[in-house]
Amino acid sequence: MPSIGGPELIIILLIVVIVFGIGRLPEVGGGLGKGIREFRRSVTGKDDDPADDADETKSDNGAA
């Protein structure tokens, strides 16, 4: 399987800039990062449970 080199990455970056524009690149990158994190959590089975977050908040407030 061929690997992606420098010239290919530059072409992909140029296409992304043309499609989304320079101003929206941080927004697109942030969305991509969140998507990757959620995918990893779903694969590993480490789901964020809202009940666990509430318990941590209560324990933090009690310790202070």
PDB file of N, CA and C in Angstrom:
ATOM      1  N   MET A   1       0.849  -1.168   0.000  1.00  0.00           N
ATOM      2  CA  MET A   1       0.000   0.000   0.000  1.00  0.00           C
ATOM      3  C   MET A   1       0.898   1.234   0.000  1.00  0.00           C
ATOM      4  N   PRO A   2       0.652   2.158  -0.925  1.00  0.00           N
ATOM      5  CA  PRO A   2       1.501   3.343  -0.984  1.00  0.00           C
ATOM      6  C   PRO A   2       1.271   4.269   0.202  1.00  0.00           C
ATOM      7  N   SER A   3       2.339   4.898   0.634  1.00  0.00           N
ATOM      8  CA  SER A   3       2.228   5.826   1.766  1.00  0.00           C
ATOM      9  C   SER A   3       2.019   7.247   1.254  1.00  0.00           C
ATOM     10  N   ILE A   4       1.521   8.106   2.128  1.00  0.00           N
ATOM     11  CA  ILE A   4       1.282   9.500   1.778  1.00  0.00           C
ATOM     12  C   ILE A   4       2.532  10.295   2.127  1.00  0.00           C
ATOM     13  N   GLY A   5       3.095  10.954   1.139  1.00  0.00           N
ATOM     14  CA  GLY A   5       4.308  11.735   1.339  1.00  0.00           C
ATOM     15  C   GLY A   5       4.009  13.211   1.452  1.00  0.00           C
ATOM     16  N   GLY A   6       5.058  13.999   1.407  1.00  0.00           N
ATOM     17  CA  GLY A   6       4.951  15.448   1.540  1.00  0.00           C
ATOM     18  C   GLY A   6       4.111  16.113   0.457  1.00  0.00           C
ATOM     19  N   PRO A   7       4.381  15.824  -0.824  1.00  0.00           N
ATOM     20  CA  PRO A   7       3.590  16.478  -1.873  1.00  0.00           C
ATOM     21  C   PRO A   7       2.093  16.160  -1.786  1.00  0.00           C
ATOM     22  N   GLU A   8       1.770  14.943  -1.429  1.00  0.00           N
ATOM     23  CA  GLU A   8       0.365  14.566  -1.300  1.00  0.00           C
ATOM     24  C   GLU A   8      -0.316  15.318  -0.161  1.00  0.00           C
ATOM     25  N   LEU A   9       0.401  15.479   0.963  1.00  0.00           N
ATOM     26  CA  LEU A   9      -0.153  16.223   2.090  1.00  0.00           C
ATOM     27  C   LEU A   9      -0.385  17.691   1.738  1.00  0.00           C
ATOM     28  N   ILE A  10       0.518  18.269   0.973  1.00  0.00           N
ATOM     29  CA  ILE A  10       0.360  19.662   0.551  1.00  0.00           C
ATOM     30  C   ILE A  10      -0.865  19.814  -0.341  1.00  0.00           C
ATOM     31  N   ILE A  11      -1.062  18.878  -1.257  1.00  0.00           N
ATOM     32  CA  ILE A  11      -2.233  18.927  -2.137  1.00  0.00           C
ATOM     33  C   ILE A  11      -3.513  18.803  -1.327  1.00  0.00           C
ATOM     34  N   ILE A  12      -3.541  17.889  -0.361  1.00  0.00           N
ATOM     35  CA  ILE A  12      -4.724  17.717   0.489  1.00  0.00           C
ATOM     36  C   ILE A  12      -4.992  18.986   1.287  1.00  0.00           C
ATOM     37  N   LEU A  13      -3.951  19.602   1.841  1.00  0.00           N
ATOM     38  CA  LEU A  13      -4.102  20.843   2.605  1.00  0.00           C
ATOM     39  C   LEU A  13      -4.657  21.966   1.730  1.00  0.00           C
ATOM     40  N   LEU A  14      -4.163  22.085   0.504  1.00  0.00           N
ATOM     41  CA  LEU A  14      -4.670  23.103  -0.410  1.00  0.00           C
ATOM     42  C   LEU A  14      -6.150  22.894  -0.729  1.00  0.00           C
ATOM     43  N   ILE A  15      -6.551  21.645  -0.928  1.00  0.00           N
ATOM     44  CA  ILE A  15      -7.963  21.354  -1.199  1.00  0.00           C
ATOM     45  C   ILE A  15      -8.823  21.724   0.001  1.00  0.00           C
ATOM     46  N   VAL A  16      -8.352  21.415   1.203  1.00  0.00           N
ATOM     47  CA  VAL A  16      -9.100  21.754   2.418  1.00  0.00           C
ATOM     48  C   VAL A  16      -9.239  23.261   2.559  1.00  0.00           C
ATOM     49  N   VAL A  17      -8.166  24.007   2.279  1.00  0.00           N
ATOM     50  CA  VAL A  17      -8.219  25.468   2.372  1.00  0.00           C
ATOM     51  C   VAL A  17      -9.195  26.024   1.350  1.00  0.00           C
ATOM     52  N   ILE A  18      -9.198  25.474   0.151  1.00  0.00           N
ATOM     53  CA  ILE A  18     -10.118  25.956  -0.881  1.00  0.00           C
ATOM     54  C   ILE A  18     -11.562  25.677  -0.494  1.00  0.00           C
ATOM     55  N   VAL A  19     -11.832  24.498   0.046  1.00  0.00           N
ATOM     56  CA  VAL A  19     -13.208  24.121   0.375  1.00  0.00           C
ATOM     57  C   VAL A  19     -13.718  24.885   1.593  1.00  0.00           C
ATOM     58  N   PHE A  20     -12.947  24.949   2.659  1.00  0.00           N
ATOM     59  CA  PHE A  20     -13.427  25.523   3.916  1.00  0.00           C
ATOM     60  C   PHE A  20     -12.998  26.971   4.125  1.00  0.00           C
ATOM     61  N   GLY A  21     -11.929  27.402   3.535  1.00  0.00           N
ATOM     62  CA  GLY A  21     -11.424  28.754   3.757  1.00  0.00           C
ATOM     63  C   GLY A  21     -10.490  28.778   4.952  1.00  0.00           C
ATOM     64  N   ILE A  22      -9.617  29.774   4.982  1.00  0.00           N
ATOM     65  CA  ILE A  22      -8.605  29.853   6.040  1.00  0.00           C
ATOM     66  C   ILE A  22      -9.238  30.147   7.394  1.00  0.00           C
ATOM     67  N   GLY A  23     -10.281  30.949   7.436  1.00  0.00           N
ATOM     68  CA  GLY A  23     -10.905  31.339   8.703  1.00  0.00           C
ATOM     69  C   GLY A  23     -11.565  30.198   9.442  1.00  0.00           C
ATOM     70  N   ARG A  24     -12.022  29.174   8.719  1.00  0.00           N
ATOM     71  CA  ARG A  24     -12.733  28.073   9.358  1.00  0.00           C
ATOM     72  C   ARG A  24     -11.838  26.881   9.672  1.00  0.00           C
ATOM     73  N   LEU A  25     -10.566  26.943   9.335  1.00  0.00           N
ATOM     74  CA  LEU A  25      -9.674  25.800   9.584  1.00  0.00           C
ATOM     75  C   LEU A  25      -9.601  25.408  11.058  1.00  0.00           C
ATOM     76  N   PRO A  26      -9.484  26.346  12.013  1.00  0.00           N
ATOM     77  CA  PRO A  26      -9.453  25.928  13.422  1.00  0.00           C
ATOM     78  C   PRO A  26     -10.744  25.211  13.845  1.00  0.00           C
ATOM     79  N   GLU A  27     -11.870  25.693  13.332  1.00  0.00           N
ATOM     80  CA  GLU A  27     -13.152  25.067  13.652  1.00  0.00           C
ATOM     81  C   GLU A  27     -13.222  23.643  13.096  1.00  0.00           C
ATOM     82  N   VAL A  28     -12.748  23.470  11.867  1.00  0.00           N
ATOM     83  CA  VAL A  28     -12.749  22.148  11.242  1.00  0.00           C
ATOM     84  C   VAL A  28     -11.791  21.218  11.989  1.00  0.00           C
ATOM     85  N   GLY A  29     -10.623  21.728  12.354  1.00  0.00           N
ATOM     86  CA  GLY A  29      -9.649  20.917  13.091  1.00  0.00           C
ATOM     87  C   GLY A  29     -10.169  20.508  14.453  1.00  0.00           C
ATOM     88  N   GLY A  30     -10.844  21.423  15.142  1.00  0.00           N
ATOM     89  CA  GLY A  30     -11.411  21.100  16.453  1.00  0.00           C
ATOM     90  C   GLY A  30     -12.485  20.035  16.349  1.00  0.00           C
ATOM     91  N   GLY A  31     -13.331  20.154  15.336  1.00  0.00           N
ATOM     92  CA  GLY A  31     -14.370  19.146  15.132  1.00  0.00           C
ATOM     93  C   GLY A  31     -13.785  17.784  14.802  1.00  0.00           C
ATOM     94  N   LEU A  32     -12.724  17.783  14.011  1.00  0.00           N
ATOM     95  CA  LEU A  32     -12.064  16.528  13.666  1.00  0.00           C
ATOM     96  C   LEU A  32     -11.435  15.895  14.901  1.00  0.00           C
ATOM     97  N   GLY A  33     -10.814  16.716  15.740  1.00  0.00           N
ATOM     98  CA  GLY A  33     -10.209  16.203  16.977  1.00  0.00           C
ATOM     99  C   GLY A  33     -11.243  15.606  17.915  1.00  0.00           C
ATOM    100  N   LYS A  34     -12.389  16.285  18.065  1.00  0.00           N
ATOM    101  CA  LYS A  34     -13.458  15.759  18.922  1.00  0.00           C
ATOM    102  C   LYS A  34     -13.982  14.443  18.385  1.00  0.00           C
ATOM    103  N   GLY A  35     -14.118  14.359  17.067  1.00  0.00           N
ATOM    104  CA  GLY A  35     -14.591  13.122  16.456  1.00  0.00           C
ATOM    105  C   GLY A  35     -13.645  11.962  16.692  1.00  0.00           C
ATOM    106  N   ILE A  36     -12.350  12.229  16.576  1.00  0.00           N
ATOM    107  CA  ILE A  36     -11.354  11.178  16.798  1.00  0.00           C
ATOM    108  C   ILE A  36     -11.372  10.735  18.262  1.00  0.00           C
ATOM    109  N   ARG A  37     -11.480  11.706  19.196  1.00  0.00           N
ATOM    110  CA  ARG A  37     -11.531  11.343  20.615  1.00  0.00           C
ATOM    111  C   ARG A  37     -12.759  10.502  20.929  1.00  0.00           C
ATOM    112  N   GLU A  38     -13.904  10.874  20.381  1.00  0.00           N
ATOM    113  CA  GLU A  38     -15.113  10.090  20.632  1.00  0.00           C
ATOM    114  C   GLU A  38     -14.995   8.700  20.048  1.00  0.00           C
ATOM    115  N   PHE A  39     -14.396   8.594  18.879  1.00  0.00           N
ATOM    116  CA  PHE A  39     -14.200   7.281  18.265  1.00  0.00           C
ATOM    117  C   PHE A  39     -13.312   6.407  19.141  1.00  0.00           C
ATOM    118  N   ARG A  40     -12.216   6.982  19.646  1.00  0.00           N
ATOM    119  CA  ARG A  40     -11.321   6.206  20.512  1.00  0.00           C
ATOM    120  C   ARG A  40     -12.028   5.763  21.792  1.00  0.00           C
ATOM    121  N   ARG A  41     -12.825   6.655  22.373  1.00  0.00           N
ATOM    122  CA  ARG A  41     -13.566   6.290  23.589  1.00  0.00           C
ATOM    123  C   ARG A  41     -14.541   5.163  23.324  1.00  0.00           C
ATOM    124  N   SER A  42     -15.204   5.201  22.160  1.00  0.00           N
ATOM    125  CA  SER A  42     -16.180   4.162  21.865  1.00  0.00           C
ATOM    126  C   SER A  42     -15.490   2.829  21.599  1.00  0.00           C
ATOM    127  N   VAL A  43     -14.304   2.872  21.003  1.00  0.00           N
ATOM    128  CA  VAL A  43     -13.577   1.638  20.720  1.00  0.00           C
ATOM    129  C   VAL A  43     -13.035   1.027  22.004  1.00  0.00           C
ATOM    130  N   THR A  44     -12.489   1.863  22.905  1.00  0.00           N
ATOM    131  CA  THR A  44     -11.902   1.343  24.132  1.00  0.00           C
ATOM    132  C   THR A  44     -12.951   1.060  25.201  1.00  0.00           C
ATOM    133  N   GLY A  45     -14.158   1.601  25.033  1.00  0.00           N
ATOM    134  CA  GLY A  45     -15.219   1.369  26.004  1.00  0.00           C
ATOM    135  C   GLY A  45     -15.182   2.322  27.177  1.00  0.00           C
ATOM    136  N   LYS A  46     -14.401   3.376  27.094  1.00  0.00           N
ATOM    137  CA  LYS A  46     -14.318   4.355  28.178  1.00  0.00           C
ATOM    138  C   LYS A  46     -15.314   5.472  27.911  1.00  0.00           C
ATOM    139  N   ASP A  47     -16.581   5.218  28.170  1.00  0.00           N
ATOM    140  CA  ASP A  47     -17.614   6.220  27.966  1.00  0.00           C
ATOM    141  C   ASP A  47     -17.682   7.137  29.170  1.00  0.00           C
ATOM    142  N   ASP A  48     -17.902   8.414  28.917  1.00  0.00           N
ATOM    143  CA  ASP A  48     -18.087   9.361  30.011  1.00  0.00           C
ATOM    144  C   ASP A  48     -19.506   9.228  30.516  1.00  0.00           C
ATOM    145  N   ASP A  49     -19.657   8.818  31.765  1.00  0.00           N
ATOM    146  CA  ASP A  49     -20.969   8.661  32.368  1.00  0.00           C
ATOM    147  C   ASP A  49     -21.294   9.925  33.149  1.00  0.00           C
ATOM    148  N   PRO A  50     -22.415  10.590  32.861  1.00  0.00           N
ATOM    149  CA  PRO A  50     -22.751  11.816  33.578  1.00  0.00           C
ATOM    150  C   PRO A  50     -22.852  11.615  35.091  1.00  0.00           C
ATOM    151  N   ALA A  51     -23.260  10.436  35.530  1.00  0.00           N
ATOM    152  CA  ALA A  51     -23.353  10.167  36.961  1.00  0.00           C
ATOM    153  C   ALA A  51     -21.960  10.191  37.600  1.00  0.00           C
ATOM    154  N   ASP A  52     -20.952   9.687  36.887  1.00  0.00           N
ATOM    155  CA  ASP A  52     -19.591   9.710  37.407  1.00  0.00           C
ATOM    156  C   ASP A  52     -19.086  11.143  37.536  1.00  0.00           C
ATOM    157  N   ASP A  53     -19.406  12.000  36.563  1.00  0.00           N
ATOM    158  CA  ASP A  53     -18.989  13.391  36.633  1.00  0.00           C
ATOM    159  C   ASP A  53     -19.611  14.094  37.832  1.00  0.00           C
ATOM    160  N   ALA A  54     -20.880  13.802  38.125  1.00  0.00           N
ATOM    161  CA  ALA A  54     -21.552  14.434  39.256  1.00  0.00           C
ATOM    162  C   ALA A  54     -20.920  13.970  40.568  1.00  0.00           C
ATOM    163  N   ASP A  55     -20.554  12.688  40.656  1.00  0.00           N
ATOM    164  CA  ASP A  55     -19.913  12.177  41.865  1.00  0.00           C
ATOM    165  C   ASP A  55     -18.561  12.847  42.087  1.00  0.00           C
ATOM    166  N   GLU A  56     -17.790  13.053  41.005  1.00  0.00           N
ATOM    167  CA  GLU A  56     -16.487  13.696  41.138  1.00  0.00           C
ATOM    168  C   GLU A  56     -16.644  15.137  41.609  1.00  0.00           C
ATOM    169  N   THR A  57     -17.663  15.824  41.116  1.00  0.00           N
ATOM    170  CA  THR A  57     -17.892  17.207  41.503  1.00  0.00           C
ATOM    171  C   THR A  57     -18.237  17.292  42.980  1.00  0.00           C
ATOM    172  N   LYS A  58     -19.071  16.369  43.462  1.00  0.00           N
ATOM    173  CA  LYS A  58     -19.440  16.370  44.872  1.00  0.00           C
ATOM    174  C   LYS A  58     -18.221  16.098  45.752  1.00  0.00           C
ATOM    175  N   SER A  59     -17.368  15.152  45.336  1.00  0.00           N
ATOM    176  CA  SER A  59     -16.198  14.834  46.156  1.00  0.00           C
ATOM    177  C   SER A  59     -15.199  15.990  46.146  1.00  0.00           C
ATOM    178  N   ASP A  60     -15.094  16.704  45.031  1.00  0.00           N
ATOM    179  CA  ASP A  60     -14.181  17.845  44.960  1.00  0.00           C
ATOM    180  C   ASP A  60     -14.667  18.971  45.868  1.00  0.00           C
ATOM    181  N   ASN A  61     -15.973  19.223  45.898  1.00  0.00           N
ATOM    182  CA  ASN A  61     -16.516  20.287  46.731  1.00  0.00           C
ATOM    183  C   ASN A  61     -16.388  19.939  48.220  1.00  0.00           C
ATOM    184  N   GLY A  62     -16.511  18.681  48.542  1.00  0.00           N
ATOM    185  CA  GLY A  62     -16.416  18.274  49.940  1.00  0.00           C
ATOM    186  C   GLY A  62     -15.001  18.384  50.460  1.00  0.00           C
ATOM    187  N   ALA A  63     -14.000  18.198  49.583  1.00  0.00           N
ATOM    188  CA  ALA A  63     -12.608  18.227  50.020  1.00  0.00           C
ATOM    189  C   ALA A  63     -12.112  19.654  50.216  1.00  0.00           C
ATOM    190  N   ALA A  64     -12.748  20.620  49.574  1.00  0.00           N
ATOM    191  CA  ALA A  64     -12.233  21.997  49.626  1.00  0.00           C
ATOM    192  C   ALA A  64     -12.649  22.711  50.853  1.00  0.00           C
TER     193      ALA A  64
END
